[in-house]
Structures are given as C-alpha cells and as structure tokens.
C-alpha cells in the first residue's frame, strides 16, 4: 500500500469531530537555550485540517475554515499519528524509499524523514481528533473579521412565548463587499 499524500488523512472524520494538526511545543528560548522536553509547554493549538459532516455545518456557521489556527481545551481530543509524504511521489512501492531521519526538521509534535533515493519528505505529525464544540477560538476567523470579509450581525426575533430574542450570526461578504445571501 502506498504512503498517504500531503492532504490525505488516514481516515474520514465523522459526526461532530474535527481533525487538528497539533502545533509543536517551543523547544528553544529566544536566547538560544534548549528547553528540556519535561519543561516544554504544549500550546493546545493547531491547524484545522478535517471535519465530519455535522462539524462542517457548525464550523461554517461559526466562520471557521480549513487551515485556520485553532485553540482547544487541555484535556480535549484523542491523539493519533499521521504518517504522510509532503514532498515527492507518495505512490511508489515501499522498497523504492530509503528513509533517513531529519534531526533538524523534527520536533516533539512532528518527526521528519528524507528519502536518500528520491528526495521525498515524509512526516509523522500529531493529529488530534476533537469535538467541534471543544474548539475555543480561531486566529484565522479574527483576521477575516478585521479584514471585513465577514461580520457579526444581530438578528432579532420573537419566540413562541412572545419574548424578544436576539441571535448573533456571522455573515460572509463577497469580493465586492456585499453580504452574501445564505440559505437558512
């Protein structure tokens, strides 16, 4: 079986779950001192790379997009290894590769290998499967809000008991700046 390609997840995430590639812990201080592995602090953050069908709906409604840096709770998620080729041909048979570990390119959250024969680059990254409701914030979302690509809008309505209610939603704008009409 060939290795996974750069964007091939090892499995399809389902339901309310998301896949996040973990951001590696800081291994060196700004002054150049090496931080021992026991003293390294996890960021509880990463890059959003996949989602189940229910999670896609929630992510869209909240303004999240694949590739966003997201933050999550300390005890959230299930850690898995994601072994894939990020550069080079990933469809070759196993005996076509001769992997050497790249010490300089590896860190606590990602082990990197370089093939002597083909020059392909293979990484084993920490992939976290997390409930969509455990995502706390997104740096990509705040950038899109600041840039005016999206905006938070208050929608007022009356509930069945006759009380005035307010809901907040994120609306996307097209390239001209008009608010896109989205189906409800």
Protein backbone atom coordinates (compact mmCIF):
# COMPACT_ATOMS: atom_id res chain seq x y z
CA UNK A 1 0.00 0.00 0.00
CA UNK A 2 1.45 3.40 -0.94
CA UNK A 3 2.02 6.12 1.63
CA UNK A 4 -0.50 8.89 2.20
CA UNK A 5 -0.15 12.09 0.17
CA UNK A 6 0.22 15.63 1.52
CA UNK A 7 -3.52 16.17 2.08
CA UNK A 8 -4.67 12.55 2.61
CA UNK A 9 -5.96 12.00 6.13
CA UNK A 10 -5.63 8.44 7.47
CA UNK A 11 -9.42 8.23 7.92
CA UNK A 12 -12.57 10.29 7.36
CA UNK A 13 -13.61 12.19 10.47
CA UNK A 14 -17.32 11.75 11.20
CA UNK A 15 -20.14 13.43 13.08
CA UNK A 16 -19.23 16.34 15.34
CA UNK A 17 -15.49 15.65 15.22
CA UNK A 18 -12.64 17.70 13.72
CA UNK A 19 -9.04 16.83 12.88
CA UNK A 20 -6.37 19.27 14.06
CA UNK A 21 -2.60 19.01 13.43
CA UNK A 22 -1.00 19.91 16.74
CA UNK A 23 1.29 22.95 16.97
CA UNK A 24 4.67 21.83 18.34
CA UNK A 25 5.85 22.99 21.75
CA UNK A 26 8.62 25.58 21.89
CA UNK A 27 11.94 23.72 22.14
CA UNK A 28 14.31 26.68 22.46
CA UNK A 29 14.20 30.04 24.23
CA UNK A 30 14.61 33.30 22.32
CA UNK A 31 18.15 33.45 23.70
CA UNK A 32 19.03 30.05 22.22
CA UNK A 33 18.81 27.83 25.30
CA UNK A 34 17.34 24.36 24.77
CA UNK A 35 14.22 23.68 26.83
CA UNK A 36 14.18 20.10 28.21
CA UNK A 37 11.24 18.01 26.97
CA UNK A 38 9.80 17.72 30.50
CA UNK A 39 9.69 21.53 30.79
CA UNK A 40 8.16 22.23 27.37
CA UNK A 41 4.62 23.63 27.49
CA UNK A 42 2.06 22.49 24.95
CA UNK A 43 0.18 25.23 23.14
CA UNK A 44 -3.17 23.35 22.92
CA UNK A 45 -3.41 24.76 19.42
CA UNK A 46 -3.06 23.56 15.86
CA UNK A 47 -4.17 23.76 12.23
CA UNK A 48 -7.70 22.65 11.32
CA UNK A 49 -7.43 20.01 8.54
CA UNK A 50 -10.64 17.95 8.53
CA UNK A 51 -14.18 17.67 9.88
CA UNK A 52 -17.23 15.42 9.94
CA UNK A 53 -20.49 16.43 8.28
CA UNK A 54 -22.14 17.80 11.44
CA UNK A 55 -18.92 19.61 12.37
CA UNK A 56 -18.73 21.18 8.88
CA UNK A 57 -22.11 22.83 9.48
CA UNK A 58 -21.03 24.19 12.87
CA UNK A 59 -17.66 25.35 11.55
CA UNK A 60 -19.31 27.18 8.64
CA UNK A 61 -21.85 28.87 10.93
CA UNK A 62 -19.03 29.96 13.28
CA UNK A 63 -16.86 31.29 10.41
CA UNK A 64 -14.04 28.73 10.72
CA UNK A 65 -12.15 27.46 7.64
CA UNK A 66 -9.68 24.64 6.99
CA UNK A 67 -6.15 25.87 7.59
CA UNK A 68 -7.15 28.14 10.49
CA UNK A 69 -5.07 28.00 13.65
CA UNK A 70 -7.49 26.91 16.37
CA UNK A 71 -7.12 26.61 20.13
CA UNK A 72 -8.74 23.91 22.26
CA UNK A 73 -9.01 22.80 25.87
CA UNK A 74 -6.22 20.98 27.70
CA UNK A 75 -7.99 17.64 28.02
CA UNK A 76 -9.85 17.70 24.71
CA UNK A 77 -9.26 15.24 21.92
CA UNK A 78 -7.69 11.94 21.00
CA UNK A 79 -4.08 11.91 19.75
CA UNK A 80 -3.19 9.88 16.66
CA UNK A 81 -0.13 9.70 14.40
CA UNK A 82 -0.49 10.97 10.81
CA UNK A 83 2.20 9.43 8.60
CA UNK A 84 2.31 11.02 5.13
CA UNK A 85 4.60 12.28 2.36
CA UNK A 86 4.55 16.07 1.99
CA UNK A 87 7.01 16.39 -0.93
CA UNK A 88 7.77 13.90 -3.68
CA UNK A 89 5.92 10.90 -5.10
CA UNK A 90 3.90 9.06 -2.44
CA UNK A 91 2.61 6.36 -4.84
CA UNK A 92 5.86 4.40 -5.15
CA UNK A 93 6.18 0.92 -3.57
CA UNK A 94 7.76 0.72 -0.11
CA UNK A 95 11.07 -0.68 -1.40
CA UNK A 96 11.59 2.44 -3.56
CA UNK A 97 12.28 4.50 -0.44
CA UNK A 98 15.31 4.64 1.86
CA UNK A 99 14.30 6.90 4.76
CA UNK A 100 16.76 8.85 6.93
CA UNK A 101 15.53 10.77 9.97
CA UNK A 102 15.98 14.55 9.63
CA UNK A 103 17.05 15.57 13.13
CA UNK A 104 16.98 19.32 12.42
CA UNK A 105 13.48 19.20 10.88
CA UNK A 106 11.96 17.05 13.64
CA UNK A 107 10.40 18.24 16.90
CA UNK A 108 8.17 16.90 19.68
CA UNK A 109 4.99 17.03 17.54
CA UNK A 110 6.50 16.03 14.17
CA UNK A 111 9.13 13.53 13.07
CA UNK A 112 10.59 14.24 9.63
CA UNK A 113 12.32 11.82 7.23
CA UNK A 114 14.13 12.40 3.92
CA UNK A 115 14.44 9.67 1.27
CA UNK A 116 18.03 9.13 0.05
CA UNK A 117 16.84 7.68 -3.28
CA UNK A 118 14.05 10.06 -4.34
CA UNK A 119 14.44 13.15 -2.13
CA UNK A 120 10.85 12.75 -0.91
CA UNK A 121 9.99 14.19 2.51
CA UNK A 122 7.85 12.17 4.92
CA UNK A 123 6.47 13.44 8.21
CA UNK A 124 4.72 11.79 11.12
CA UNK A 125 2.66 14.50 12.80
CA UNK A 126 0.48 14.54 15.89
CA UNK A 127 -3.16 14.61 14.72
CA UNK A 128 -5.84 15.38 17.29
CA UNK A 129 -9.43 14.23 16.78
CA UNK A 130 -11.55 16.69 18.73
CA UNK A 131 -15.21 17.53 19.23
CA UNK A 132 -16.15 20.67 17.29
CA UNK A 133 -17.62 22.19 20.48
CA UNK A 134 -14.20 21.91 22.17
CA UNK A 135 -12.69 24.46 19.77
CA UNK A 136 -12.24 27.68 21.71
CA UNK A 137 -11.07 30.25 19.17
CA UNK A 138 -9.51 30.79 15.75
CA UNK A 139 -6.83 33.26 14.67
CA UNK A 140 -7.98 32.95 11.03
CA UNK A 141 -11.53 33.96 11.95
CA UNK A 142 -10.43 37.11 13.76
CA UNK A 143 -8.26 38.06 10.76
CA UNK A 144 -11.24 37.66 8.40
CA UNK A 145 -13.45 39.75 10.72
CA UNK A 146 -10.82 42.50 10.93
CA UNK A 147 -10.35 42.47 7.15
CA UNK A 148 -14.09 42.92 6.65
CA UNK A 149 -14.58 39.60 4.81
CA UNK A 150 -17.14 38.63 7.47
CA UNK A 151 -19.15 40.46 10.06
CA UNK A 152 -21.12 39.62 13.18
CA UNK A 153 -24.76 40.60 12.77
CA UNK A 154 -27.53 40.67 15.39
CA UNK A 155 -30.82 39.13 14.28
CA UNK A 156 -33.86 39.94 16.37
CA UNK A 157 -36.91 37.69 16.53
CA UNK A 158 -39.86 36.84 18.77
CA UNK A 159 -40.02 33.39 20.33
CA UNK A 160 -43.16 31.26 20.81
CA UNK A 161 -43.81 32.82 24.24
CA UNK A 162 -43.83 36.32 22.72
CA UNK A 163 -40.48 37.45 24.13
CA UNK A 164 -38.00 39.44 22.03
CA UNK A 165 -34.83 37.46 21.39
CA UNK A 166 -31.52 38.31 19.74
CA UNK A 167 -29.22 35.87 17.96
CA UNK A 168 -25.78 36.68 16.61
CA UNK A 169 -24.60 35.18 13.32
CA UNK A 170 -21.57 35.57 11.11
CA UNK A 171 -22.29 36.76 7.60
CA UNK A 172 -19.80 36.43 4.77
CA UNK A 173 -19.20 39.13 2.17
CA UNK A 174 -18.39 38.55 -1.49
CA UNK A 175 -15.37 40.16 -3.16
CA UNK A 176 -17.35 43.37 -3.86
CA UNK A 177 -18.31 43.81 -0.19
CA UNK A 178 -21.97 42.81 -0.46
CA UNK A 179 -23.36 40.46 2.15
CA UNK A 180 -23.90 37.02 0.63
CA UNK A 181 -27.41 35.63 0.82
CA UNK A 182 -27.16 32.26 2.57
CA UNK A 183 -29.86 29.66 2.91
CA UNK A 184 -31.17 29.11 6.39
